[in-house]
Protein backbone atom coordinates (compact mmCIF):
# COMPACT_ATOMS: atom_id res chain seq x y z
CA UNK A 1 0.27 -0.10 0.07
CA UNK A 2 2.62 2.46 1.04
CA UNK A 3 4.92 1.63 -2.28
CA UNK A 4 1.52 2.29 -4.43
CA UNK A 5 1.02 5.49 -2.61
CA UNK A 6 4.80 6.91 -3.15
CA UNK A 7 4.13 5.85 -6.90
CA UNK A 8 1.23 7.67 -7.36
CA UNK A 9 2.52 10.78 -5.37
CA UNK A 10 5.76 10.77 -7.56
CA UNK A 11 3.75 10.63 -10.49
CA UNK A 12 1.46 13.53 -9.59
CA UNK A 13 4.66 15.92 -9.10
CA UNK A 14 4.90 18.09 -12.42
CA UNK A 15 8.43 17.88 -14.20
CA UNK A 16 11.00 20.39 -13.56
CA UNK A 17 11.31 23.22 -16.13
CA UNK A 18 15.19 23.41 -16.73
CA UNK A 19 14.79 27.24 -16.39
CA UNK A 20 13.74 26.86 -13.02
CA UNK A 21 16.99 25.16 -12.17
CA UNK A 22 19.99 27.56 -10.96
CA UNK A 23 23.27 26.38 -10.05
CA UNK A 24 25.02 28.68 -7.22
CA UNK A 25 28.74 28.39 -6.53
CA UNK A 26 31.42 30.16 -4.38
CA UNK A 27 34.43 29.89 -6.55
CA UNK A 28 36.97 31.01 -3.66
CA UNK A 29 35.38 28.99 -1.32
CA UNK A 30 37.92 26.22 -0.79
CA UNK A 31 40.72 28.85 -0.48
CA UNK A 32 38.89 30.79 2.16
CA UNK A 33 38.09 27.33 3.59
CA UNK A 34 41.74 26.61 4.34
CA UNK A 35 42.36 30.07 5.52
CA UNK A 36 39.92 29.59 7.96
CA UNK A 37 41.16 26.19 8.86
CA UNK A 38 44.93 27.66 9.24
CA UNK A 39 43.60 30.32 11.59
CA UNK A 40 41.74 27.86 13.63
CA UNK A 41 45.08 25.72 13.72
CA UNK A 42 46.83 28.96 15.07
CA UNK A 43 44.11 28.90 17.47
CA UNK A 44 45.26 25.31 18.77
CA UNK A 45 41.32 24.63 18.13
CA UNK A 46 40.16 21.30 16.75
CA UNK A 47 43.48 19.73 15.99
CA UNK A 48 43.42 15.98 16.24
CA UNK A 49 47.21 14.88 15.76
CA UNK A 50 50.66 16.55 16.62
CA UNK A 51 53.92 16.05 14.89
CA UNK A 52 56.91 15.59 16.77
CA UNK A 53 60.50 16.34 15.77
CA UNK A 54 62.94 16.25 18.73
CA UNK A 55 61.63 18.78 21.06
CA UNK A 56 59.37 20.63 18.46
CA UNK A 57 55.82 19.59 18.41
CA UNK A 58 53.38 20.90 15.87
CA UNK A 59 49.58 20.36 15.76
CA UNK A 60 47.52 20.05 12.77
CA UNK A 61 44.23 18.54 11.54
CA UNK A 62 44.71 15.11 9.78
CA UNK A 63 42.20 15.73 7.12
CA UNK A 64 44.16 18.95 6.06
CA UNK A 65 47.31 16.85 5.77
CA UNK A 66 45.72 13.97 4.47
CA UNK A 67 44.20 16.27 1.38
CA UNK A 68 47.54 18.31 0.85
CA UNK A 69 50.41 16.04 1.32
CA UNK A 70 50.64 12.56 -0.17
CA UNK A 71 52.66 11.08 2.48
CA UNK A 72 50.14 11.63 5.42
CA UNK A 73 47.30 10.80 2.44
CA UNK A 74 48.98 7.20 2.56
CA UNK A 75 49.25 7.17 6.48
CA UNK A 76 45.89 8.46 7.50
CA UNK A 77 43.65 6.75 4.94
CA UNK A 78 45.21 2.91 4.93
CA UNK A 79 44.77 1.61 8.31
CA UNK A 80 48.53 2.35 9.39
CA UNK A 81 49.47 2.37 12.99
CA UNK A 82 49.88 6.15 12.99
CA UNK A 83 46.40 7.09 11.71
CA UNK A 84 45.01 6.54 15.24
CA UNK A 85 47.94 7.86 17.16
CA UNK A 86 47.54 11.70 18.58
CA UNK A 87 51.56 12.12 18.36
CA UNK A 88 53.56 11.23 15.56
CA UNK A 89 57.42 11.08 15.54
CA UNK A 90 59.11 12.50 12.24
CA UNK A 91 62.38 10.88 12.01
CA UNK A 92 64.85 12.72 10.18
CA UNK A 93 63.40 15.88 9.38
CA UNK A 94 64.37 19.64 10.18
CA UNK A 95 61.79 21.10 12.56
CA UNK A 96 61.69 24.57 10.53
CA UNK A 97 61.08 22.81 7.09
CA UNK A 98 58.45 20.24 8.66
CA UNK A 99 56.60 23.93 9.84
CA UNK A 100 57.07 25.55 6.83
CA UNK A 101 55.38 22.29 4.91
CA UNK A 102 52.57 21.93 7.41
CA UNK A 103 51.80 25.77 6.68
CA UNK A 104 51.94 25.15 2.91
CA UNK A 105 49.10 22.51 3.60
CA UNK A 106 46.99 25.04 4.74
CA UNK A 107 47.49 28.06 2.68
CA UNK A 108 49.50 26.80 -0.27
CA UNK A 109 52.40 29.52 -0.16
CA UNK A 110 56.04 28.52 0.77
CA UNK A 111 59.38 31.01 0.90
CA UNK A 112 62.32 29.44 -0.42
CA UNK A 113 65.68 31.08 0.32
CA UNK A 114 69.37 29.82 0.29
CA UNK A 115 69.44 28.97 3.97
CA UNK A 116 66.19 26.72 3.94
CA UNK A 117 66.18 25.19 0.22
CA UNK A 118 68.10 21.99 0.96
CA UNK A 119 66.26 21.19 4.22
CA UNK A 120 63.03 21.90 2.39
CA UNK A 121 64.20 19.92 -0.48
CA UNK A 122 64.97 16.90 1.87
CA UNK A 123 61.46 17.38 3.55
CA UNK A 124 59.55 17.56 0.59
CA UNK A 125 61.26 14.43 -0.77
CA UNK A 126 60.32 12.72 2.45
CA UNK A 127 56.62 14.01 2.33
CA UNK A 128 56.27 13.06 -1.66
CA UNK A 129 55.60 16.43 -2.47
CA UNK A 130 57.19 16.58 -5.93
CA UNK A 131 56.02 20.28 -6.68
CA UNK A 132 57.94 21.40 -3.87
CA UNK A 133 60.93 19.52 -4.57
CA UNK A 134 61.19 20.67 -8.51
CA UNK A 135 60.81 24.27 -6.96
CA UNK A 136 63.64 23.98 -4.63
CA UNK A 137 65.84 22.12 -7.72
CA UNK A 138 64.68 25.04 -10.27
CA UNK A 139 65.97 27.38 -7.30
CA UNK A 140 69.42 25.62 -7.04
CA UNK A 141 69.67 25.48 -10.78
CA UNK A 142 69.27 29.14 -11.37
CA UNK A 143 71.82 29.99 -8.44
CA UNK A 144 74.75 27.58 -9.27
CA UNK A 145 78.23 29.45 -9.15
CA UNK A 146 81.66 27.91 -9.59
CA UNK A 147 82.07 28.14 -5.66
CA UNK A 148 78.90 26.01 -5.11
CA UNK A 149 78.32 23.71 -8.12
CA UNK A 150 80.34 20.50 -6.87
CA UNK A 151 78.07 20.53 -3.73
CA UNK A 152 74.72 21.22 -5.46
CA UNK A 153 75.65 18.04 -7.80
CA UNK A 154 76.68 15.88 -4.94
CA UNK A 155 73.24 16.98 -3.03
CA UNK A 156 71.38 16.18 -6.16
CA UNK A 157 72.96 12.93 -6.49
CA UNK A 158 71.96 12.08 -2.85
CA UNK A 159 68.35 13.09 -3.35
CA UNK A 160 68.04 11.56 -6.93
CA UNK A 161 67.37 14.80 -8.42
CA UNK A 162 68.31 14.11 -12.04
CA UNK A 163 67.54 17.25 -13.68
CA UNK A 164 69.55 19.50 -11.08
CA UNK A 165 72.33 16.64 -11.13
CA UNK A 166 72.91 17.04 -15.13
CA UNK A 167 72.53 20.92 -14.91
CA UNK A 168 75.30 20.95 -12.15
CA UNK A 169 77.33 18.73 -14.45
CA UNK A 170 77.02 20.73 -17.47
CA UNK A 171 78.04 23.76 -15.17
CA UNK A 172 81.28 22.23 -14.23
CA UNK A 173 82.02 21.35 -17.44
CA UNK A 174 81.50 24.89 -18.84
CA UNK A 175 83.05 26.66 -15.73
CA UNK A 176 85.87 24.15 -15.00
CA UNK A 177 88.56 26.86 -14.70
CA UNK A 178 86.89 28.96 -12.32
CA UNK A 179 85.29 25.96 -10.56
CA UNK A 180 89.06 24.34 -10.13
CA UNK A 181 89.92 27.67 -8.27
CA UNK A 182 87.07 27.09 -5.56
CA UNK A 183 87.37 25.51 -1.78
CA UNK A 184 84.81 22.72 -3.14
CA UNK A 185 87.20 21.59 -5.81
CA UNK A 186 90.59 21.57 -3.51
CA UNK A 187 88.40 19.44 -0.85
CA UNK A 188 87.21 16.86 -3.34
CA UNK A 189 88.16 13.15 -2.60
CA UNK A 190 90.97 11.80 -5.11
CA UNK A 191 88.26 9.60 -7.11
CA UNK A 192 86.04 12.80 -7.60
CA UNK A 193 89.11 14.73 -9.06
CA UNK A 194 90.41 11.77 -11.22
CA UNK A 195 86.97 11.39 -12.88
CA UNK A 196 86.69 15.10 -13.35
CA UNK A 197 89.80 15.57 -15.07
CA UNK A 198 89.30 12.73 -17.24
CA UNK A 199 86.33 14.13 -19.06
CA UNK A 200 85.98 15.15 -22.63
CA UNK A 201 83.29 17.78 -21.82
CA UNK A 202 85.66 20.28 -19.98
CA UNK A 203 85.72 23.72 -21.44
CA UNK A 204 89.36 24.93 -21.40
CA UNK A 205 91.37 27.17 -23.63
CA UNK A 206 94.32 24.69 -23.34
CA UNK A 207 95.02 21.42 -21.79
CA UNK A 208 97.71 23.28 -19.43
CA UNK A 209 94.62 24.66 -17.33
CA UNK A 210 93.77 20.98 -16.37
CA UNK A 211 97.52 20.48 -15.39
CA UNK A 212 97.33 23.56 -13.37
CA UNK A 213 94.03 22.44 -11.58
CA UNK A 214 95.75 19.09 -10.71
CA UNK A 215 98.68 20.58 -9.49
CA UNK A 216 96.60 22.89 -7.08
CA UNK A 217 94.71 20.03 -6.06
CA UNK A 218 97.84 18.15 -4.94
CA UNK A 219 99.42 21.32 -3.38
CA UNK A 220 96.52 21.98 -1.10
CA UNK A 221 97.48 18.83 0.93
CA UNK A 222 100.75 18.08 -0.51
CA UNK A 223 101.77 14.97 2.14
CA UNK A 224 98.47 13.58 1.79
CA UNK A 225 98.08 13.47 -1.90
CA UNK A 226 101.50 13.60 -3.34
CA UNK A 227 101.24 9.88 -3.98
CA UNK A 228 98.09 10.56 -5.97
CA UNK A 229 99.98 12.80 -8.77
CA UNK A 230 101.35 9.90 -11.44
CA UNK A 231 97.71 8.40 -11.61
CA UNK A 232 96.35 11.91 -11.90
CA UNK A 233 98.90 13.19 -14.22
CA UNK A 234 98.27 10.06 -16.56
CA UNK A 235 94.54 11.37 -17.13
CA UNK A 236 95.83 14.90 -18.23
CA UNK A 237 96.44 15.00 -22.01
CA UNK A 238 100.21 16.36 -21.70
CA UNK A 239 100.75 15.67 -25.62
CA UNK A 240 98.29 18.76 -26.19
CA UNK A 241 100.02 21.10 -24.15
CA UNK A 242 102.82 23.32 -25.48
CA UNK A 243 106.56 22.19 -26.09
CA UNK A 244 107.46 25.07 -24.29
CA UNK A 245 105.08 24.49 -21.34
CA UNK A 246 106.22 20.82 -20.80
CA UNK A 247 109.81 21.99 -20.93
CA UNK A 248 109.58 25.29 -18.74
CA UNK A 249 106.55 24.27 -16.51
CA UNK A 250 105.72 20.93 -16.43
CA UNK A 251 109.46 19.36 -16.32
CA UNK A 252 110.78 21.80 -13.94
CA UNK A 253 107.86 21.51 -11.14
CA UNK A 254 109.19 19.98 -8.04
CA UNK A 255 106.69 17.45 -7.64
CA UNK A 256 107.29 15.91 -11.34
CA UNK A 257 110.95 16.11 -10.90
CA UNK A 258 110.63 13.96 -7.80
CA UNK A 259 108.51 11.08 -9.22
CA UNK A 260 110.26 8.62 -11.88
CA UNK A 261 106.76 7.77 -13.33
CA UNK A 262 105.69 11.62 -13.82
CA UNK A 263 108.98 12.38 -15.58
CA UNK A 264 108.23 9.29 -18.09
CA UNK A 265 104.69 10.96 -18.98
CA UNK A 266 106.48 14.02 -19.58
CA UNK A 267 108.80 12.33 -21.80
CA UNK A 268 105.90 10.64 -23.63
CA UNK A 269 104.40 13.79 -24.39
CA UNK A 270 107.68 15.44 -25.33
CA UNK A 271 108.17 12.53 -27.72
CA UNK A 272 104.64 13.36 -29.21
CA UNK A 273 106.04 16.30 -30.77
CA UNK A 274 109.85 15.14 -31.40
CA UNK A 275 108.43 12.15 -33.43
CA UNK A 276 105.23 12.45 -35.03
CA UNK A 277 105.36 8.92 -36.40
CA UNK A 278 104.86 7.54 -32.88
CA UNK A 279 101.61 9.24 -32.39
CA UNK A 280 99.36 6.27 -33.35
CA UNK A 281 100.86 4.37 -30.72
CA UNK A 282 99.69 6.61 -28.02
CA UNK A 283 96.39 6.00 -26.06
CA UNK A 284 93.63 7.92 -28.10
CA UNK A 285 92.25 9.78 -25.42
CA UNK A 286 95.76 11.63 -24.88
CA UNK A 287 95.54 13.20 -28.08
CA UNK A 288 92.02 13.85 -28.05
CA UNK A 289 91.00 17.51 -27.58
CA UNK A 290 88.35 18.55 -24.97
CA UNK A 291 85.09 19.64 -25.96
CA UNK A 292 82.54 21.15 -24.30
CA UNK A 293 79.36 19.95 -26.01
CA UNK A 294 77.03 22.02 -23.81
CA UNK A 295 78.64 25.49 -25.29
CA UNK A 296 77.73 26.17 -28.80
CA UNK A 297 80.83 27.31 -30.91
CA UNK A 298 80.67 30.24 -33.49
CA UNK A 299 80.88 30.03 -37.16
CA UNK A 300 83.22 32.49 -38.87
CA UNK A 301 83.08 33.55 -42.57
CA UNK A 302 86.44 35.01 -43.73
CA UNK A 303 86.74 36.78 -46.88
CA UNK A 304 85.64 35.22 -50.32
CA UNK A 305 84.69 36.98 -53.41
CA UNK A 306 81.66 39.55 -53.72
CA UNK A 307 78.52 38.52 -55.23
CA UNK A 308 78.94 39.83 -58.67
CA UNK A 309 82.11 37.79 -59.27
CA UNK A 310 82.68 34.23 -60.22
CA UNK A 311 85.23 31.68 -59.39
CA UNK A 312 87.83 33.10 -61.79
CA UNK A 313 87.38 36.90 -61.78
CA UNK A 314 85.95 39.48 -59.17
CA UNK A 315 86.83 41.46 -56.36
CA UNK A 316 88.40 39.81 -53.17
CA UNK A 317 86.68 40.65 -49.77
CA UNK A 318 88.54 41.96 -46.44
CA UNK A 319 85.23 41.23 -44.72
CA UNK A 320 84.87 38.99 -41.84
CA UNK A 321 81.36 37.86 -40.11
CA UNK A 322 80.45 35.68 -37.36
CA UNK A 323 77.30 33.73 -36.85
CA UNK A 324 76.27 32.62 -33.15
CA UNK A 325 73.51 29.69 -33.25
CA UNK A 326 72.29 30.50 -29.84
CA UNK A 327 71.05 34.12 -30.78
CA UNK A 328 70.68 32.90 -34.18
CA UNK A 329 72.04 36.22 -36.18
CA UNK A 330 74.98 37.16 -37.99
CA UNK A 331 77.28 39.98 -36.90
CA UNK A 332 80.34 41.92 -38.76
CA UNK A 333 83.68 41.67 -37.21
CA UNK A 334 86.63 43.81 -37.81
CA UNK A 335 87.90 43.21 -41.29
CA UNK A 336 90.97 41.51 -42.34
CA UNK A 337 93.94 43.96 -43.16
CA UNK A 338 94.12 42.39 -46.49
CA UNK A 339 91.35 41.29 -49.00
CA UNK A 340 91.55 37.61 -49.14
CA UNK A 341 89.60 34.82 -51.56
CA UNK A 342 90.24 31.26 -51.64
CA UNK A 343 92.24 31.75 -47.97
CA UNK A 344 92.83 29.36 -45.77
CA UNK A 345 91.79 29.69 -42.07
CA UNK A 346 92.23 27.63 -38.97
CA UNK A 347 91.92 27.95 -35.07
CA UNK A 348 94.85 27.73 -32.57
CA UNK A 349 94.80 28.21 -29.03
CA UNK A 350 91.48 30.61 -29.46
CA UNK A 351 92.88 32.46 -32.26
CA UNK A 352 91.59 32.74 -35.98
CA UNK A 353 94.60 32.42 -38.51
CA UNK A 354 93.95 33.43 -42.03
CA UNK A 355 96.59 31.96 -44.49
CA UNK A 356 97.54 33.06 -47.73
CA UNK A 357 94.71 33.35 -50.53
CA UNK A 358 94.35 35.46 -53.54
CA UNK A 359 93.63 39.47 -53.38
CA UNK A 360 92.37 39.82 -56.68
CA UNK A 361 95.54 40.06 -58.39
CA UNK A 362 98.19 38.37 -56.73
CA UNK A 363 98.57 35.26 -54.83
CA UNK A 364 99.68 35.67 -51.09
CA UNK A 365 102.07 34.48 -48.59
CA UNK A 366 100.86 36.82 -46.09
CA UNK A 367 99.18 35.68 -42.79
CA UNK A 368 97.20 37.38 -40.27
CA UNK A 369 95.45 36.27 -37.03
CA UNK A 370 92.33 37.46 -35.25
CA UNK A 371 91.97 37.57 -31.52
CA UNK A 372 88.11 37.37 -30.59
CA UNK A 373 88.62 39.06 -27.39
CA UNK A 374 89.96 42.28 -29.05
CA UNK A 375 88.26 42.20 -31.89
CA UNK A 376 91.26 42.84 -33.80
CA UNK A 377 93.49 41.47 -36.58
CA UNK A 378 97.47 41.71 -36.60
CA UNK A 379 100.11 40.16 -38.86
CA UNK A 380 102.26 37.35 -38.27
CA UNK A 381 105.40 36.03 -39.98
CA UNK A 382 104.74 35.10 -43.62
CA UNK A 383 104.90 31.99 -45.51
CA UNK A 384 107.72 30.83 -47.47
CA UNK A 385 105.58 30.17 -50.60
CA UNK A 386 102.55 32.30 -51.82
CA UNK A 387 99.51 29.65 -51.53
CA UNK A 388 95.75 30.14 -52.53
């Protein structure tokens, strides 16, 4: 009887007109609600859990922690032992970082600075707050410096932050010379220094800078490190050093002179210059120039013929232009002192050489060199023969 009456009443109700249906919403209600809960927490009311780190205690609401922090969501919704405890001990967390992350759960705001970034990253990693972990990594990546990059790399490896680790590695490669002068570098263990000076990617103007970095590391604690010199020197590409440097600097260094193995390595490098026929017998890495893959090079266009000319006639040019692939633009450099087409060019020790060529009337034996740091050309010794 009751079911029949309910069915009859339902049939008697008129259908709702869509125009009579109104959706009402308050868009900022969730954010205002969290703000109110944060104020309630500051007043110490309605809190149902206390997080303890050492002697520090922080009261909070389980529902807010579970809604905002994945670690607590798993703890409070999966019948773990802690879900019913009034006080939960948080092992290994920095108290100020935990307090900041609890506040973040209520207001979505976090202040990151040089003093707290590492403790926040560690806390965020523990609490599974990936967005905060990423923000801390970005903060550190944007502030890499020759004096801190080695420490940041080690920290990134410990925290398994792959993007930050790669960024620090790339920075070390690009700024190796400055990094090698830092206290962090001088304090590195031998294995790390050995691995670093073995890398192809170091950005150095010459191998001589790598040698100086290695010797500075040895001298920083000579008594404890002197025995490492032969192995360290074996990873430096001494054959790529200038003969004058090998003779006047490397061979004369007291650390090298006192070590038979080191003297053998110097002799090997000198033989590279004195007896070219023996070069194929050297280990390949010792004659392979360093190449920092994270730094784009520049492309120089040197001399040539004007657009109205053909291969056999026309005006030779002294114009020099450079293309920057990062900025994606060409710029003019200081022109050569002599117009040259069919000119030979080479880069040696960061200087650009223009060799011989044709000035539109005569073949040339003259050679000039361009210094990109001063944007200037200067003449050097001519060749014995004219070449184009």
